[in-house]
Amino acid sequence: MCNYIGIKNANKFGSIFLIIYFCKEYIYILYFHQVVETKM
């Protein structure tokens, strides 16, 4: 069984997706950065 924590941090520069997987004795970290174009 794998437990995971999902974190989404949104700001005016873009969105950051951080997913941490806890599998047995291993920790997997997935980092996603999505750039969102904004109009001033």
PDB file of N, CA and C in Angstrom:
ATOM      1  N   MET A   1       0.850  -1.191   0.000  1.00  0.00           N
ATOM      2  CA  MET A   1       0.000   0.000   0.000  1.00  0.00           C
ATOM      3  C   MET A   1       0.882   1.236   0.000  1.00  0.00           C
ATOM      4  N   CYS A   2       0.495   2.200  -0.778  1.00  0.00           N
ATOM      5  CA  CYS A   2       1.280   3.434  -0.864  1.00  0.00           C
ATOM      6  C   CYS A   2       0.430   4.608  -0.401  1.00  0.00           C
ATOM      7  N   ASN A   3       0.999   5.381   0.486  1.00  0.00           N
ATOM      8  CA  ASN A   3       0.328   6.599   0.917  1.00  0.00           C
ATOM      9  C   ASN A   3       0.925   7.784   0.178  1.00  0.00           C
ATOM     10  N   TYR A   4       0.082   8.757  -0.147  1.00  0.00           N
ATOM     11  CA  TYR A   4       0.604   9.903  -0.871  1.00  0.00           C
ATOM     12  C   TYR A   4       0.011  11.202  -0.338  1.00  0.00           C
ATOM     13  N   ILE A   5       0.785  12.261  -0.467  1.00  0.00           N
ATOM     14  CA  ILE A   5       0.342  13.584  -0.063  1.00  0.00           C
ATOM     15  C   ILE A   5       0.410  14.497  -1.282  1.00  0.00           C
ATOM     16  N   GLY A   6      -0.702  15.131  -1.606  1.00  0.00           N
ATOM     17  CA  GLY A   6      -0.740  16.039  -2.747  1.00  0.00           C
ATOM     18  C   GLY A   6      -0.835  17.475  -2.283  1.00  0.00           C
ATOM     19  N   ILE A   7       0.052  18.304  -2.800  1.00  0.00           N
ATOM     20  CA  ILE A   7       0.066  19.714  -2.420  1.00  0.00           C
ATOM     21  C   ILE A   7      -0.033  20.570  -3.680  1.00  0.00           C
ATOM     22  N   LYS A   8      -0.971  21.501  -3.677  1.00  0.00           N
ATOM     23  CA  LYS A   8      -1.086  22.419  -4.808  1.00  0.00           C
ATOM     24  C   LYS A   8      -0.915  23.839  -4.298  1.00  0.00           C
ATOM     25  N   ASN A   9       0.091  24.518  -4.837  1.00  0.00           N
ATOM     26  CA  ASN A   9       0.343  25.898  -4.452  1.00  0.00           C
ATOM     27  C   ASN A   9       0.143  26.777  -5.672  1.00  0.00           C
ATOM     28  N   ALA A  10      -0.877  27.625  -5.625  1.00  0.00           N
ATOM     29  CA  ALA A  10      -1.180  28.482  -6.765  1.00  0.00           C
ATOM     30  C   ALA A  10      -0.868  29.933  -6.417  1.00  0.00           C
ATOM     31  N   ASN A  11      -0.195  30.589  -7.346  1.00  0.00           N
ATOM     32  CA  ASN A  11       0.061  32.013  -7.178  1.00  0.00           C
ATOM     33  C   ASN A  11      -0.098  32.705  -8.526  1.00  0.00           C
ATOM     34  N   LYS A  12       0.263  33.976  -8.593  1.00  0.00           N
ATOM     35  CA  LYS A  12       0.075  34.719  -9.840  1.00  0.00           C
ATOM     36  C   LYS A  12       1.104  34.338 -10.902  1.00  0.00           C
ATOM     37  N   PHE A  13       2.131  33.599 -10.499  1.00  0.00           N
ATOM     38  CA  PHE A  13       3.168  33.208 -11.451  1.00  0.00           C
ATOM     39  C   PHE A  13       2.895  31.849 -12.068  1.00  0.00           C
ATOM     40  N   GLY A  14       2.090  31.043 -11.390  1.00  0.00           N
ATOM     41  CA  GLY A  14       1.803  29.717 -11.926  1.00  0.00           C
ATOM     42  C   GLY A  14       1.318  28.786 -10.839  1.00  0.00           C
ATOM     43  N   SER A  15       1.214  27.531 -11.179  1.00  0.00           N
ATOM     44  CA  SER A  15       0.757  26.526 -10.225  1.00  0.00           C
ATOM     45  C   SER A  15       1.856  25.501  -9.979  1.00  0.00           C
ATOM     46  N   ILE A  16       2.022  25.135  -8.726  1.00  0.00           N
ATOM     47  CA  ILE A  16       3.027  24.144  -8.367  1.00  0.00           C
ATOM     48  C   ILE A  16       2.327  22.920  -7.786  1.00  0.00           C
ATOM     49  N   PHE A  17       2.599  21.770  -8.366  1.00  0.00           N
ATOM     50  CA  PHE A  17       2.009  20.528  -7.894  1.00  0.00           C
ATOM     51  C   PHE A  17       3.102  19.655  -7.292  1.00  0.00           C
ATOM     52  N   LEU A  18       2.946  19.318  -6.032  1.00  0.00           N
ATOM     53  CA  LEU A  18       3.941  18.489  -5.355  1.00  0.00           C
ATOM     54  C   LEU A  18       3.257  17.231  -4.819  1.00  0.00           C
ATOM     55  N   ILE A  19       3.713  16.088  -5.279  1.00  0.00           N
ATOM     56  CA  ILE A  19       3.138  14.821  -4.837  1.00  0.00           C
ATOM     57  C   ILE A  19       4.228  13.977  -4.187  1.00  0.00           C
ATOM     58  N   ILE A  20       3.983  13.566  -2.957  1.00  0.00           N
ATOM     59  CA  ILE A  20       4.954  12.750  -2.233  1.00  0.00           C
ATOM     60  C   ILE A  20       4.356  11.373  -1.971  1.00  0.00           C
ATOM     61  N   TYR A  21       5.025  10.356  -2.437  1.00  0.00           N
ATOM     62  CA  TYR A  21       4.576   8.981  -2.242  1.00  0.00           C
ATOM     63  C   TYR A  21       5.407   8.293  -1.159  1.00  0.00           C
ATOM     64  N   PHE A  22       4.721   7.628  -0.240  1.00  0.00           N
ATOM     65  CA  PHE A  22       5.405   6.852   0.783  1.00  0.00           C
ATOM     66  C   PHE A  22       5.128   5.368   0.534  1.00  0.00           C
ATOM     67  N   CYS A  23       6.094   4.666  -0.031  1.00  0.00           N
ATOM     68  CA  CYS A  23       5.940   3.247  -0.312  1.00  0.00           C
ATOM     69  C   CYS A  23       6.953   2.454   0.504  1.00  0.00           C
ATOM     70  N   LYS A  24       6.467   1.704   1.471  1.00  0.00           N
ATOM     71  CA  LYS A  24       7.314   0.890   2.338  1.00  0.00           C
ATOM     72  C   LYS A  24       8.414   1.752   2.943  1.00  0.00           C
ATOM     73  N   GLU A  25       9.653   1.526   2.523  1.00  0.00           N
ATOM     74  CA  GLU A  25      10.760   2.303   3.076  1.00  0.00           C
ATOM     75  C   GLU A  25      11.261   3.345   2.088  1.00  0.00           C
ATOM     76  N   TYR A  26      10.493   3.535   1.023  1.00  0.00           N
ATOM     77  CA  TYR A  26      10.938   4.450  -0.017  1.00  0.00           C
ATOM     78  C   TYR A  26      10.033   5.670  -0.073  1.00  0.00           C
ATOM     79  N   ILE A  27      10.609   6.794  -0.424  1.00  0.00           N
ATOM     80  CA  ILE A  27       9.847   8.030  -0.578  1.00  0.00           C
ATOM     81  C   ILE A  27      10.055   8.554  -1.991  1.00  0.00           C
ATOM     82  N   TYR A  28       8.944   8.722  -2.693  1.00  0.00           N
ATOM     83  CA  TYR A  28       9.012   9.244  -4.053  1.00  0.00           C
ATOM     84  C   TYR A  28       8.438  10.652  -4.066  1.00  0.00           C
ATOM     85  N   ILE A  29       9.159  11.571  -4.674  1.00  0.00           N
ATOM     86  CA  ILE A  29       8.693  12.949  -4.764  1.00  0.00           C
ATOM     87  C   ILE A  29       8.529  13.324  -6.234  1.00  0.00           C
ATOM     88  N   LEU A  30       7.307  13.706  -6.593  1.00  0.00           N
ATOM     89  CA  LEU A  30       7.036  14.154  -7.955  1.00  0.00           C
ATOM     90  C   LEU A  30       6.730  15.643  -7.920  1.00  0.00           C
ATOM     91  N   TYR A  31       7.450  16.385  -8.734  1.00  0.00           N
ATOM     92  CA  TYR A  31       7.309  17.838  -8.739  1.00  0.00           C
ATOM     93  C   TYR A  31       6.853  18.286 -10.115  1.00  0.00           C
ATOM     94  N   PHE A  32       5.696  18.966 -10.136  1.00  0.00           N
ATOM     95  CA  PHE A  32       5.165  19.464 -11.397  1.00  0.00           C
ATOM     96  C   PHE A  32       5.012  20.974 -11.308  1.00  0.00           C
ATOM     97  N   HIS A  33       5.507  21.670 -12.302  1.00  0.00           N
ATOM     98  CA  HIS A  33       5.362  23.122 -12.341  1.00  0.00           C
ATOM     99  C   HIS A  33       4.675  23.503 -13.638  1.00  0.00           C
ATOM    100  N   GLN A  34       3.512  24.112 -13.490  1.00  0.00           N
ATOM    101  CA  GLN A  34       2.759  24.538 -14.665  1.00  0.00           C
ATOM    102  C   GLN A  34       2.743  26.059 -14.718  1.00  0.00           C
ATOM    103  N   VAL A  35       3.298  26.589 -15.776  1.00  0.00           N
ATOM    104  CA  VAL A  35       3.370  28.040 -15.920  1.00  0.00           C
ATOM    105  C   VAL A  35       2.068  28.549 -16.536  1.00  0.00           C
ATOM    106  N   VAL A  36       1.467  29.486 -15.844  1.00  0.00           N
ATOM    107  CA  VAL A  36       0.219  30.063 -16.329  1.00  0.00           C
ATOM    108  C   VAL A  36       0.468  31.501 -16.765  1.00  0.00           C
ATOM    109  N   GLU A  37       0.123  31.784 -17.996  1.00  0.00           N
ATOM    110  CA  GLU A  37       0.320  33.134 -18.513  1.00  0.00           C
ATOM    111  C   GLU A  37      -0.800  34.041 -18.008  1.00  0.00           C
ATOM    112  N   THR A  38      -0.417  35.154 -17.424  1.00  0.00           N
ATOM    113  CA  THR A  38      -1.400  36.086 -16.884  1.00  0.00           C
ATOM    114  C   THR A  38      -1.297  37.425 -17.594  1.00  0.00           C
ATOM    115  N   LYS A  39      -2.405  38.119 -17.649  1.00  0.00           N
ATOM    116  CA  LYS A  39      -2.425  39.443 -18.264  1.00  0.00           C
ATOM    117  C   LYS A  39      -2.376  40.509 -17.180  1.00  0.00           C
ATOM    118  N   MET A  40      -1.505  41.473 -17.398  1.00  0.00           N
ATOM    119  CA  MET A  40      -1.374  42.549 -16.423  1.00  0.00           C
ATOM    120  C   MET A  40      -2.482  43.578 -16.618  1.00  0.00           C
TER     121      MET A  40
END
